[in-house]
Amino acid sequence: MQGEITMRKRNIFAAAGAATILLSGCSGSGLGMPGSPAWFATTPQAEQATYFRNRCVSYGFEPGTPAMAQCIQNESISSRGRASARANAAFTNMQNSQPKTTTCNRFGNTMNCTTY
């Protein structure tokens, strides 16, 4: 039983890793779509700054202005926050989808069960 659970966990992590690699974006030097947890982890800072600078230019900010610098900072912070929240939600969903083990012990007329 324990061996089956370990093997199942290994298969889930292998599938998740393969999916991450297969679904990662093809542009840039980092893995993943811009703004994804994988992208933040693998893309150089200069490339991230360029990405957010381009977004701010598309919003109408003028390069070299304090408003542009503030926009880049805000975009970076909010994007990192969303990426972190998505990663945490994915991890929680993976944990919750794992099979649970319940052990019951009987003492006379009383039965105590614990789920791990």
PDB file of N, CA and C in Angstrom:
ATOM      1  N   MET A   1       0.827  -1.188   0.000  1.00  0.00           N
ATOM      2  CA  MET A   1       0.000   0.000   0.000  1.00  0.00           C
ATOM      3  C   MET A   1       0.876   1.259   0.000  1.00  0.00           C
ATOM      4  N   GLN A   2       1.876   1.314   0.893  1.00  0.00           N
ATOM      5  CA  GLN A   2       2.766   2.476   0.973  1.00  0.00           C
ATOM      6  C   GLN A   2       3.535   2.646  -0.334  1.00  0.00           C
ATOM      7  N   GLY A   3       3.963   1.531  -0.926  1.00  0.00           N
ATOM      8  CA  GLY A   3       4.685   1.589  -2.190  1.00  0.00           C
ATOM      9  C   GLY A   3       3.825   2.144  -3.317  1.00  0.00           C
ATOM     10  N   GLU A   4       2.522   1.788  -3.312  1.00  0.00           N
ATOM     11  CA  GLU A   4       1.608   2.304  -4.327  1.00  0.00           C
ATOM     12  C   GLU A   4       1.456   3.814  -4.202  1.00  0.00           C
ATOM     13  N   ILE A   5       1.338   4.302  -2.973  1.00  0.00           N
ATOM     14  CA  ILE A   5       1.168   5.741  -2.749  1.00  0.00           C
ATOM     15  C   ILE A   5       2.422   6.485  -3.191  1.00  0.00           C
ATOM     16  N   THR A   6       3.594   5.963  -2.828  1.00  0.00           N
ATOM     17  CA  THR A   6       4.847   6.599  -3.227  1.00  0.00           C
ATOM     18  C   THR A   6       4.970   6.632  -4.744  1.00  0.00           C
ATOM     19  N   MET A   7       4.644   5.531  -5.401  1.00  0.00           N
ATOM     20  CA  MET A   7       4.717   5.463  -6.858  1.00  0.00           C
ATOM     21  C   MET A   7       3.716   6.428  -7.489  1.00  0.00           C
ATOM     22  N   ARG A   8       2.524   6.525  -6.919  1.00  0.00           N
ATOM     23  CA  ARG A   8       1.500   7.432  -7.446  1.00  0.00           C
ATOM     24  C   ARG A   8       1.971   8.881  -7.329  1.00  0.00           C
ATOM     25  N   LYS A   9       2.568   9.233  -6.175  1.00  0.00           N
ATOM     26  CA  LYS A   9       3.088  10.590  -5.993  1.00  0.00           C
ATOM     27  C   LYS A   9       4.181  10.879  -7.016  1.00  0.00           C
ATOM     28  N   ARG A  10       5.066   9.920  -7.215  1.00  0.00           N
ATOM     29  CA  ARG A  10       6.152  10.090  -8.176  1.00  0.00           C
ATOM     30  C   ARG A  10       5.588  10.313  -9.580  1.00  0.00           C
ATOM     31  N   ASN A  11       4.557   9.551  -9.942  1.00  0.00           N
ATOM     32  CA  ASN A  11       3.945   9.701 -11.263  1.00  0.00           C
ATOM     33  C   ASN A  11       3.280  11.064 -11.421  1.00  0.00           C
ATOM     34  N   ILE A  12       2.623  11.535 -10.353  1.00  0.00           N
ATOM     35  CA  ILE A  12       1.963  12.845 -10.415  1.00  0.00           C
ATOM     36  C   ILE A  12       2.995  13.941 -10.607  1.00  0.00           C
ATOM     37  N   PHE A  13       4.089  13.894  -9.842  1.00  0.00           N
ATOM     38  CA  PHE A  13       5.124  14.919  -9.972  1.00  0.00           C
ATOM     39  C   PHE A  13       5.810  14.849 -11.336  1.00  0.00           C
ATOM     40  N   ALA A  14       6.011  13.644 -11.860  1.00  0.00           N
ATOM     41  CA  ALA A  14       6.618  13.507 -13.184  1.00  0.00           C
ATOM     42  C   ALA A  14       5.695  14.087 -14.252  1.00  0.00           C
ATOM     43  N   ALA A  15       4.395  13.814 -14.133  1.00  0.00           N
ATOM     44  CA  ALA A  15       3.430  14.350 -15.095  1.00  0.00           C
ATOM     45  C   ALA A  15       3.360  15.872 -15.003  1.00  0.00           C
ATOM     46  N   ALA A  16       3.391  16.400 -13.783  1.00  0.00           N
ATOM     47  CA  ALA A  16       3.355  17.857 -13.606  1.00  0.00           C
ATOM     48  C   ALA A  16       4.603  18.500 -14.208  1.00  0.00           C
ATOM     49  N   GLY A  17       5.750  17.884 -14.010  1.00  0.00           N
ATOM     50  CA  GLY A  17       6.987  18.414 -14.581  1.00  0.00           C
ATOM     51  C   GLY A  17       6.965  18.383 -16.102  1.00  0.00           C
ATOM     52  N   ALA A  18       6.490  17.278 -16.658  1.00  0.00           N
ATOM     53  CA  ALA A  18       6.409  17.165 -18.113  1.00  0.00           C
ATOM     54  C   ALA A  18       5.433  18.188 -18.678  1.00  0.00           C
ATOM     55  N   ALA A  19       4.300  18.377 -18.007  1.00  0.00           N
ATOM     56  CA  ALA A  19       3.313  19.358 -18.466  1.00  0.00           C
ATOM     57  C   ALA A  19       3.889  20.764 -18.427  1.00  0.00           C
ATOM     58  N   THR A  20       4.654  21.076 -17.384  1.00  0.00           N
ATOM     59  CA  THR A  20       5.267  22.401 -17.276  1.00  0.00           C
ATOM     60  C   THR A  20       6.203  22.659 -18.444  1.00  0.00           C
ATOM     61  N   ILE A  21       7.008  21.677 -18.770  1.00  0.00           N
ATOM     62  CA  ILE A  21       7.957  21.833 -19.878  1.00  0.00           C
ATOM     63  C   ILE A  21       7.224  21.939 -21.213  1.00  0.00           C
ATOM     64  N   LEU A  22       6.222  21.082 -21.421  1.00  0.00           N
ATOM     65  CA  LEU A  22       5.509  21.083 -22.694  1.00  0.00           C
ATOM     66  C   LEU A  22       4.666  22.331 -22.894  1.00  0.00           C
ATOM     67  N   LEU A  23       4.113  22.862 -21.810  1.00  0.00           N
ATOM     68  CA  LEU A  23       3.218  24.008 -21.925  1.00  0.00           C
ATOM     69  C   LEU A  23       3.915  25.350 -21.761  1.00  0.00           C
ATOM     70  N   SER A  24       5.218  25.327 -21.543  1.00  0.00           N
ATOM     71  CA  SER A  24       5.937  26.590 -21.350  1.00  0.00           C
ATOM     72  C   SER A  24       5.968  27.380 -22.654  1.00  0.00           C
ATOM     73  N   GLY A  25       6.012  28.693 -22.517  1.00  0.00           N
ATOM     74  CA  GLY A  25       6.033  29.569 -23.689  1.00  0.00           C
ATOM     75  C   GLY A  25       7.315  29.406 -24.481  1.00  0.00           C
ATOM     76  N   CYS A  26       7.260  29.740 -25.742  1.00  0.00           N
ATOM     77  CA  CYS A  26       8.411  29.565 -26.616  1.00  0.00           C
ATOM     78  C   CYS A  26       9.232  30.833 -26.782  1.00  0.00           C
ATOM     79  N   SER A  27       8.745  31.968 -26.288  1.00  0.00           N
ATOM     80  CA  SER A  27       9.488  33.209 -26.488  1.00  0.00           C
ATOM     81  C   SER A  27      10.362  33.509 -25.287  1.00  0.00           C
ATOM     82  N   GLY A  28      11.448  34.227 -25.524  1.00  0.00           N
ATOM     83  CA  GLY A  28      12.330  34.629 -24.439  1.00  0.00           C
ATOM     84  C   GLY A  28      13.232  33.501 -23.992  1.00  0.00           C
ATOM     85  N   SER A  29      14.082  33.832 -23.023  1.00  0.00           N
ATOM     86  CA  SER A  29      15.045  32.845 -22.550  1.00  0.00           C
ATOM     87  C   SER A  29      14.539  32.077 -21.341  1.00  0.00           C
ATOM     88  N   GLY A  30      13.430  32.491 -20.739  1.00  0.00           N
ATOM     89  CA  GLY A  30      12.898  31.815 -19.558  1.00  0.00           C
ATOM     90  C   GLY A  30      11.856  30.785 -19.932  1.00  0.00           C
ATOM     91  N   LEU A  31      11.495  29.994 -18.950  1.00  0.00           N
ATOM     92  CA  LEU A  31      10.437  29.008 -19.134  1.00  0.00           C
ATOM     93  C   LEU A  31       9.100  29.638 -18.787  1.00  0.00           C
ATOM     94  N   GLY A  32       8.040  29.148 -19.394  1.00  0.00           N
ATOM     95  CA  GLY A  32       6.700  29.580 -19.026  1.00  0.00           C
ATOM     96  C   GLY A  32       6.257  30.850 -19.725  1.00  0.00           C
ATOM     97  N   MET A  33       4.995  31.120 -19.553  1.00  0.00           N
ATOM     98  CA  MET A  33       4.397  32.341 -20.093  1.00  0.00           C
ATOM     99  C   MET A  33       4.822  33.521 -19.231  1.00  0.00           C
ATOM    100  N   PRO A  34       4.972  34.705 -19.822  1.00  0.00           N
ATOM    101  CA  PRO A  34       5.323  35.876 -19.008  1.00  0.00           C
ATOM    102  C   PRO A  34       4.335  36.066 -17.857  1.00  0.00           C
ATOM    103  N   GLY A  35       4.883  36.244 -16.668  1.00  0.00           N
ATOM    104  CA  GLY A  35       4.063  36.416 -15.476  1.00  0.00           C
ATOM    105  C   GLY A  35       3.776  35.131 -14.727  1.00  0.00           C
ATOM    106  N   SER A  36       4.173  33.986 -15.289  1.00  0.00           N
ATOM    107  CA  SER A  36       3.938  32.715 -14.603  1.00  0.00           C
ATOM    108  C   SER A  36       5.038  32.481 -13.567  1.00  0.00           C
ATOM    109  N   PRO A  37       4.783  31.604 -12.588  1.00  0.00           N
ATOM    110  CA  PRO A  37       5.834  31.306 -11.605  1.00  0.00           C
ATOM    111  C   PRO A  37       7.124  30.803 -12.259  1.00  0.00           C
ATOM    112  N   ALA A  38       6.998  29.956 -13.281  1.00  0.00           N
ATOM    113  CA  ALA A  38       8.192  29.431 -13.961  1.00  0.00           C
ATOM    114  C   ALA A  38       8.948  30.554 -14.667  1.00  0.00           C
ATOM    115  N   TRP A  39       8.221  31.492 -15.249  1.00  0.00           N
ATOM    116  CA  TRP A  39       8.851  32.617 -15.947  1.00  0.00           C
ATOM    117  C   TRP A  39       9.642  33.480 -14.972  1.00  0.00           C
ATOM    118  N   PHE A  40       9.047  33.794 -13.821  1.00  0.00           N
ATOM    119  CA  PHE A  40       9.764  34.600 -12.830  1.00  0.00           C
ATOM    120  C   PHE A  40      11.010  33.877 -12.322  1.00  0.00           C
ATOM    121  N   ALA A  41      10.927  32.551 -12.209  1.00  0.00           N
ATOM    122  CA  ALA A  41      12.051  31.787 -11.664  1.00  0.00           C
ATOM    123  C   ALA A  41      13.201  31.634 -12.662  1.00  0.00           C
ATOM    124  N   THR A  42      12.911  31.713 -13.965  1.00  0.00           N
ATOM    125  CA  THR A  42      13.943  31.384 -14.956  1.00  0.00           C
ATOM    126  C   THR A  42      14.345  32.533 -15.879  1.00  0.00           C
ATOM    127  N   THR A  43      13.588  33.600 -15.904  1.00  0.00           N
ATOM    128  CA  THR A  43      13.867  34.702 -16.827  1.00  0.00           C
ATOM    129  C   THR A  43      14.786  35.729 -16.175  1.00  0.00           C
ATOM    130  N   PRO A  44      15.831  36.163 -16.879  1.00  0.00           N
ATOM    131  CA  PRO A  44      16.740  37.176 -16.316  1.00  0.00           C
ATOM    132  C   PRO A  44      15.997  38.475 -15.981  1.00  0.00           C
ATOM    133  N   GLN A  45      16.488  39.183 -14.958  1.00  0.00           N
ATOM    134  CA  GLN A  45      15.872  40.431 -14.502  1.00  0.00           C
ATOM    135  C   GLN A  45      15.733  41.440 -15.641  1.00  0.00           C
ATOM    136  N   ALA A  46      16.752  41.550 -16.486  1.00  0.00           N
ATOM    137  CA  ALA A  46      16.706  42.522 -17.583  1.00  0.00           C
ATOM    138  C   ALA A  46      15.553  42.221 -18.535  1.00  0.00           C
ATOM    139  N   GLU A  47      15.332  40.942 -18.818  1.00  0.00           N
ATOM    140  CA  GLU A  47      14.237  40.560 -19.713  1.00  0.00           C
ATOM    141  C   GLU A  47      12.881  40.822 -19.053  1.00  0.00           C
ATOM    142  N   GLN A  48      12.787  40.577 -17.743  1.00  0.00           N
ATOM    143  CA  GLN A  48      11.548  40.879 -17.022  1.00  0.00           C
ATOM    144  C   GLN A  48      11.259  42.376 -17.063  1.00  0.00           C
ATOM    145  N   ALA A  49      12.298  43.188 -16.831  1.00  0.00           N
ATOM    146  CA  ALA A  49      12.128  44.645 -16.849  1.00  0.00           C
ATOM    147  C   ALA A  49      11.664  45.120 -18.224  1.00  0.00           C
ATOM    148  N   THR A  50      12.231  44.554 -19.281  1.00  0.00           N
ATOM    149  CA  THR A  50      11.824  44.919 -20.640  1.00  0.00           C
ATOM    150  C   THR A  50      10.363  44.563 -20.876  1.00  0.00           C
ATOM    151  N   TYR A  51       9.965  43.393 -20.414  1.00  0.00           N
ATOM    152  CA  TYR A  51       8.567  42.966 -20.570  1.00  0.00           C
ATOM    153  C   TYR A  51       7.622  43.964 -19.901  1.00  0.00           C
ATOM    154  N   PHE A  52       7.910  44.320 -18.642  1.00  0.00           N
ATOM    155  CA  PHE A  52       7.031  45.244 -17.921  1.00  0.00           C
ATOM    156  C   PHE A  52       7.118  46.659 -18.494  1.00  0.00           C
ATOM    157  N   ARG A  53       8.285  47.065 -18.978  1.00  0.00           N
ATOM    158  CA  ARG A  53       8.430  48.375 -19.625  1.00  0.00           C
ATOM    159  C   ARG A  53       7.525  48.440 -20.856  1.00  0.00           C
ATOM    160  N   ASN A  54       7.531  47.386 -21.658  1.00  0.00           N
ATOM    161  CA  ASN A  54       6.688  47.347 -22.858  1.00  0.00           C
ATOM    162  C   ASN A  54       5.206  47.399 -22.502  1.00  0.00           C
ATOM    163  N   ARG A  55       4.827  46.740 -21.424  1.00  0.00           N
ATOM    164  CA  ARG A  55       3.423  46.800 -20.989  1.00  0.00           C
ATOM    165  C   ARG A  55       3.043  48.225 -20.617  1.00  0.00           C
ATOM    166  N   CYS A  56       3.928  48.893 -19.884  1.00  0.00           N
ATOM    167  CA  CYS A  56       3.640  50.267 -19.455  1.00  0.00           C
ATOM    168  C   CYS A  56       3.587  51.224 -20.643  1.00  0.00           C
ATOM    169  N   VAL A  57       4.456  51.017 -21.638  1.00  0.00           N
ATOM    170  CA  VAL A  57       4.404  51.833 -22.853  1.00  0.00           C
ATOM    171  C   VAL A  57       3.054  51.626 -23.541  1.00  0.00           C
ATOM    172  N   SER A  58       2.568  50.382 -23.564  1.00  0.00           N
ATOM    173  CA  SER A  58       1.271  50.112 -24.200  1.00  0.00           C
ATOM    174  C   SER A  58       0.120  50.778 -23.446  1.00  0.00           C
ATOM    175  N   TYR A  59       0.312  51.076 -22.167  1.00  0.00           N
ATOM    176  CA  TYR A  59      -0.701  51.795 -21.381  1.00  0.00           C
ATOM    177  C   TYR A  59      -0.640  53.296 -21.638  1.00  0.00           C
ATOM    178  N   GLY A  60       0.428  53.769 -22.311  1.00  0.00           N
ATOM    179  CA  GLY A  60       0.556  55.183 -22.622  1.00  0.00           C
ATOM    180  C   GLY A  60       1.571  55.943 -21.786  1.00  0.00           C
ATOM    181  N   PHE A  61       2.340  55.252 -20.954  1.00  0.00           N
ATOM    182  CA  PHE A  61       3.358  55.930 -20.150  1.00  0.00           C
ATOM    183  C   PHE A  61       4.559  56.281 -21.024  1.00  0.00           C
ATOM    184  N   GLU A  62       5.165  57.423 -20.743  1.00  0.00           N
ATOM    185  CA  GLU A  62       6.332  57.888 -21.489  1.00  0.00           C
ATOM    186  C   GLU A  62       7.609  57.328 -20.862  1.00  0.00           C
ATOM    187  N   PRO A  63       8.493  56.714 -21.671  1.00  0.00           N
ATOM    188  CA  PRO A  63       9.755  56.186 -21.137  1.00  0.00           C
ATOM    189  C   PRO A  63      10.580  57.275 -20.445  1.00  0.00           C
ATOM    190  N   GLY A  64      11.221  56.895 -19.342  1.00  0.00           N
ATOM    191  CA  GLY A  64      12.107  57.796 -18.625  1.00  0.00           C
ATOM    192  C   GLY A  64      11.423  58.704 -17.623  1.00  0.00           C
ATOM    193  N   THR A  65      10.108  58.591 -17.471  1.00  0.00           N
ATOM    194  CA  THR A  65       9.393  59.451 -16.523  1.00  0.00           C
ATOM    195  C   THR A  65       9.197  58.727 -15.195  1.00  0.00           C
ATOM    196  N   PRO A  66       8.990  59.487 -14.109  1.00  0.00           N
ATOM    197  CA  PRO A  66       8.706  58.848 -12.820  1.00  0.00           C
ATOM    198  C   PRO A  66       7.439  57.987 -12.867  1.00  0.00           C
ATOM    199  N   ALA A  67       6.458  58.416 -13.650  1.00  0.00           N
ATOM    200  CA  ALA A  67       5.223  57.629 -13.773  1.00  0.00           C
ATOM    201  C   ALA A  67       5.510  56.274 -14.419  1.00  0.00           C
ATOM    202  N   MET A  68       6.414  56.264 -15.400  1.00  0.00           N
ATOM    203  CA  MET A  68       6.803  55.006 -16.055  1.00  0.00           C
ATOM    204  C   MET A  68       7.494  54.085 -15.060  1.00  0.00           C
ATOM    205  N   ALA A  69       8.410  54.635 -14.271  1.00  0.00           N
ATOM    206  CA  ALA A  69       9.116  53.825 -13.268  1.00  0.00           C
ATOM    207  C   ALA A  69       8.128  53.242 -12.268  1.00  0.00           C
ATOM    208  N   GLN A  70       7.147  54.044 -11.858  1.00  0.00           N
ATOM    209  CA  GLN A  70       6.134  53.566 -10.915  1.00  0.00           C
ATOM    210  C   GLN A  70       5.276  52.477 -11.550  1.00  0.00           C
ATOM    211  N   CYS A  71       4.925  52.654 -12.817  1.00  0.00           N
ATOM    212  CA  CYS A  71       4.137  51.644 -13.529  1.00  0.00           C
ATOM    213  C   CYS A  71       4.885  50.318 -13.600  1.00  0.00           C
ATOM    214  N   ILE A  72       6.167  50.364 -13.956  1.00  0.00           N
ATOM    215  CA  ILE A  72       6.970  49.139 -14.049  1.00  0.00           C
ATOM    216  C   ILE A  72       7.015  48.436 -12.700  1.00  0.00           C
ATOM    217  N   GLN A  73       7.228  49.208 -11.642  1.00  0.00           N
ATOM    218  CA  GLN A  73       7.283  48.617 -10.302  1.00  0.00           C
ATOM    219  C   GLN A  73       5.936  48.001  -9.929  1.00  0.00           C
ATOM    220  N   ASN A  74       4.842  48.721 -10.174  1.00  0.00           N
ATOM    221  CA  ASN A  74       3.509  48.208  -9.842  1.00  0.00           C
ATOM    222  C   ASN A  74       3.181  46.949 -10.631  1.00  0.00           C
ATOM    223  N   GLU A  75       3.492  46.958 -11.924  1.00  0.00           N
ATOM    224  CA  GLU A  75       3.222  45.789 -12.763  1.00  0.00           C
ATOM    225  C   GLU A  75       4.006  44.571 -12.281  1.00  0.00           C
ATOM    226  N   SER A  76       5.268  44.775 -11.954  1.00  0.00           N
ATOM    227  CA  SER A  76       6.112  43.680 -11.489  1.00  0.00           C
ATOM    228  C   SER A  76       5.588  43.102 -10.179  1.00  0.00           C
ATOM    229  N   ILE A  77       5.269  43.965  -9.234  1.00  0.00           N
ATOM    230  CA  ILE A  77       4.791  43.506  -7.926  1.00  0.00           C
ATOM    231  C   ILE A  77       3.461  42.772  -8.055  1.00  0.00           C
ATOM    232  N   SER A  78       2.524  43.346  -8.800  1.00  0.00           N
ATOM    233  CA  SER A  78       1.215  42.696  -8.914  1.00  0.00           C
ATOM    234  C   SER A  78       1.311  41.382  -9.688  1.00  0.00           C
ATOM    235  N   SER A  79       2.157  41.335 -10.705  1.00  0.00           N
ATOM    236  CA  SER A  79       2.323  40.103 -11.473  1.00  0.00           C
ATOM    237  C   SER A  79       2.956  39.002 -10.624  1.00  0.00           C
ATOM    238  N   ARG A  80       3.963  39.368  -9.830  1.00  0.00           N
ATOM    239  CA  ARG A  80       4.584  38.390  -8.923  1.00  0.00           C
ATOM    240  C   ARG A  80       3.574  37.880  -7.899  1.00  0.00           C
ATOM    241  N   GLY A  81       2.740  38.763  -7.393  1.00  0.00           N
ATOM    242  CA  GLY A  81       1.713  38.359  -6.429  1.00  0.00           C
ATOM    243  C   GLY A  81       0.730  37.372  -7.030  1.00  0.00           C
ATOM    244  N   ARG A  82       0.282  37.651  -8.255  1.00  0.00           N
ATOM    245  CA  ARG A  82      -0.644  36.729  -8.925  1.00  0.00           C
ATOM    246  C   ARG A  82       0.030  35.391  -9.204  1.00  0.00           C
ATOM    247  N   ALA A  83       1.294  35.417  -9.621  1.00  0.00           N
ATOM    248  CA  ALA A  83       2.030  34.174  -9.896  1.00  0.00           C
ATOM    249  C   ALA A  83       2.177  33.349  -8.624  1.00  0.00           C
ATOM    250  N   SER A  84       2.486  34.012  -7.525  1.00  0.00           N
ATOM    251  CA  SER A  84       2.635  33.319  -6.247  1.00  0.00           C
ATOM    252  C   SER A  84       1.308  32.707  -5.808  1.00  0.00           C
ATOM    253  N   ALA A  85       0.230  33.448  -5.966  1.00  0.00           N
ATOM    254  CA  ALA A  85      -1.091  32.932  -5.586  1.00  0.00           C
ATOM    255  C   ALA A  85      -1.466  31.720  -6.441  1.00  0.00           C
ATOM    256  N   ARG A  86      -1.169  31.774  -7.751  1.00  0.00           N
ATOM    257  CA  ARG A  86      -1.465  30.626  -8.618  1.00  0.00           C
ATOM    258  C   ARG A  86      -0.642  29.405  -8.224  1.00  0.00           C
ATOM    259  N   ALA A  87       0.633  29.620  -7.911  1.00  0.00           N
ATOM    260  CA  ALA A  87       1.493  28.501  -7.511  1.00  0.00           C
ATOM    261  C   ALA A  87       1.002  27.892  -6.202  1.00  0.00           C
ATOM    262  N   ASN A  88       0.629  28.732  -5.246  1.00  0.00           N
ATOM    263  CA  ASN A  88       0.121  28.225  -3.968  1.00  0.00           C
ATOM    264  C   ASN A  88      -1.179  27.463  -4.157  1.00  0.00           C
ATOM    265  N   ALA A  89      -2.070  27.972  -5.003  1.00  0.00           N
ATOM    266  CA  ALA A  89      -3.339  27.287  -5.257  1.00  0.00           C
ATOM    267  C   ALA A  89      -3.101  25.938  -5.935  1.00  0.00           C
ATOM    268  N   ALA A  90      -2.174  25.892  -6.879  1.00  0.00           N
ATOM    269  CA  ALA A  90      -1.871  24.628  -7.556  1.00  0.00           C
ATOM    270  C   ALA A  90      -1.298  23.612  -6.576  1.00  0.00           C
ATOM    271  N   PHE A  91      -0.405  24.062  -5.701  1.00  0.00           N
ATOM    272  CA  PHE A  91       0.185  23.160  -4.715  1.00  0.00           C
ATOM    273  C   PHE A  91      -0.881  22.643  -3.753  1.00  0.00           C
ATOM    274  N   THR A  92      -1.762  23.522  -3.301  1.00  0.00           N
ATOM    275  CA  THR A  92      -2.837  23.117  -2.392  1.00  0.00           C
ATOM    276  C   THR A  92      -3.757  22.113  -3.070  1.00  0.00           C
ATOM    277  N   ASN A  93      -4.103  22.354  -4.333  1.00  0.00           N
ATOM    278  CA  ASN A  93      -4.959  21.418  -5.067  1.00  0.00           C
ATOM    279  C   ASN A  93      -4.292  20.062  -5.224  1.00  0.00           C
ATOM    280  N   MET A  94      -2.979  20.063  -5.475  1.00  0.00           N
ATOM    281  CA  MET A  94      -2.265  18.786  -5.588  1.00  0.00           C
ATOM    282  C   MET A  94      -2.291  18.036  -4.263  1.00  0.00           C
ATOM    283  N   GLN A  95      -2.076  18.752  -3.163  1.00  0.00           N
ATOM    284  CA  GLN A  95      -2.094  18.103  -1.854  1.00  0.00           C
ATOM    285  C   GLN A  95      -3.475  17.547  -1.539  1.00  0.00           C
ATOM    286  N   ASN A  96      -4.517  18.317  -1.842  1.00  0.00           N
ATOM    287  CA  ASN A  96      -5.876  17.888  -1.531  1.00  0.00           C
ATOM    288  C   ASN A  96      -6.331  16.724  -2.393  1.00  0.00           C
ATOM    289  N   SER A  97      -5.735  16.554  -3.563  1.00  0.00           N
ATOM    290  CA  SER A  97      -6.145  15.469  -4.448  1.00  0.00           C
ATOM    291  C   SER A  97      -5.453  14.144  -4.118  1.00  0.00           C
ATOM    292  N   GLN A  98      -4.485  14.177  -3.218  1.00  0.00           N
ATOM    293  CA  GLN A  98      -3.776  12.953  -2.848  1.00  0.00           C
ATOM    294  C   GLN A  98      -4.692  12.046  -2.024  1.00  0.00           C
ATOM    295  N   PRO A  99      -4.607  10.730  -2.236  1.00  0.00           N
ATOM    296  CA  PRO A  99      -5.410   9.816  -1.427  1.00  0.00           C
ATOM    297  C   PRO A  99      -4.993   9.908   0.040  1.00  0.00           C
ATOM    298  N   LYS A 100      -5.963   9.751   0.900  1.00  0.00           N
ATOM    299  CA  LYS A 100      -5.708   9.845   2.327  1.00  0.00           C
ATOM    300  C   LYS A 100      -5.832   8.456   2.961  1.00  0.00           C
ATOM    301  N   THR A 101      -5.063   8.242   4.019  1.00  0.00           N
ATOM    302  CA  THR A 101      -5.087   6.975   4.738  1.00  0.00           C
ATOM    303  C   THR A 101      -5.822   7.177   6.051  1.00  0.00           C
ATOM    304  N   THR A 102      -6.761   6.294   6.334  1.00  0.00           N
ATOM    305  CA  THR A 102      -7.486   6.342   7.603  1.00  0.00           C
ATOM    306  C   THR A 102      -7.160   5.087   8.393  1.00  0.00           C
ATOM    307  N   THR A 103      -6.760   5.288   9.645  1.00  0.00           N
ATOM    308  CA  THR A 103      -6.462   4.180  10.545  1.00  0.00           C
ATOM    309  C   THR A 103      -7.451   4.231  11.699  1.00  0.00           C
ATOM    310  N   CYS A 104      -8.090   3.104  11.967  1.00  0.00           N
ATOM    311  CA  CYS A 104      -9.062   3.044  13.050  1.00  0.00           C
ATOM    312  C   CYS A 104      -8.606   2.031  14.096  1.00  0.00           C
ATOM    313  N   ASN A 105      -8.782   2.389  15.358  1.00  0.00           N
ATOM    314  CA  ASN A 105      -8.476   1.504  16.481  1.00  0.00           C
ATOM    315  C   ASN A 105      -9.726   1.365  17.335  1.00  0.00           C
ATOM    316  N   ARG A 106     -10.017   0.130  17.721  1.00  0.00           N
ATOM    317  CA  ARG A 106     -11.207  -0.128  18.519  1.00  0.00           C
ATOM    318  C   ARG A 106     -10.786  -0.528  19.922  1.00  0.00           C
ATOM    319  N   PHE A 107     -11.389   0.133  20.895  1.00  0.00           N
ATOM    320  CA  PHE A 107     -11.164  -0.170  22.302  1.00  0.00           C
ATOM    321  C   PHE A 107     -12.524  -0.421  22.935  1.00  0.00           C
ATOM    322  N   GLY A 108     -12.894  -1.685  23.081  1.00  0.00           N
ATOM    323  CA  GLY A 108     -14.217  -2.012  23.626  1.00  0.00           C
ATOM    324  C   GLY A 108     -15.295  -1.524  22.678  1.00  0.00           C
ATOM    325  N   ASN A 109     -16.174  -0.660  23.200  1.00  0.00           N
ATOM    326  CA  ASN A 109     -17.262  -0.113  22.379  1.00  0.00           C
ATOM    327  C   ASN A 109     -16.876   1.198  21.695  1.00  0.00           C
ATOM    328  N   THR A 110     -15.632   1.638  21.847  1.00  0.00           N
ATOM    329  CA  THR A 110     -15.186   2.913  21.289  1.00  0.00           C
ATOM    330  C   THR A 110     -14.252   2.670  20.107  1.00  0.00           C
ATOM    331  N   MET A 111     -14.485   3.409  19.041  1.00  0.00           N
ATOM    332  CA  MET A 111     -13.605   3.323  17.879  1.00  0.00           C
ATOM    333  C   MET A 111     -13.073   4.724  17.586  1.00  0.00           C
ATOM    334  N   ASN A 112     -11.750   4.851  17.492  1.00  0.00           N
ATOM    335  CA  ASN A 112     -11.088   6.108  17.154  1.00  0.00           C
ATOM    336  C   ASN A 112     -10.447   5.967  15.781  1.00  0.00           C
ATOM    337  N   CYS A 113     -10.723   6.918  14.915  1.00  0.00           N
ATOM    338  CA  CYS A 113     -10.152   6.897  13.568  1.00  0.00           C
ATOM    339  C   CYS A 113      -9.350   8.171  13.332  1.00  0.00           C
ATOM    340  N   THR A 114      -8.216   8.004  12.665  1.00  0.00           N
ATOM    341  CA  THR A 114      -7.356   9.127  12.314  1.00  0.00           C
ATOM    342  C   THR A 114      -7.074   9.063  10.818  1.00  0.00           C
ATOM    343  N   THR A 115      -7.241  10.198  10.142  1.00  0.00           N
ATOM    344  CA  THR A 115      -6.962  10.281   8.707  1.00  0.00           C
ATOM    345  C   THR A 115      -5.711  11.113   8.499  1.00  0.00           C
ATOM    346  N   TYR A 116      -4.779  10.586   7.695  1.00  0.00           N
ATOM    347  CA  TYR A 116      -3.517  11.267   7.415  1.00  0.00           C
ATOM    348  C   TYR A 116      -3.526  11.800   6.013  1.00  0.00           C
TER     349      TYR A 116
END
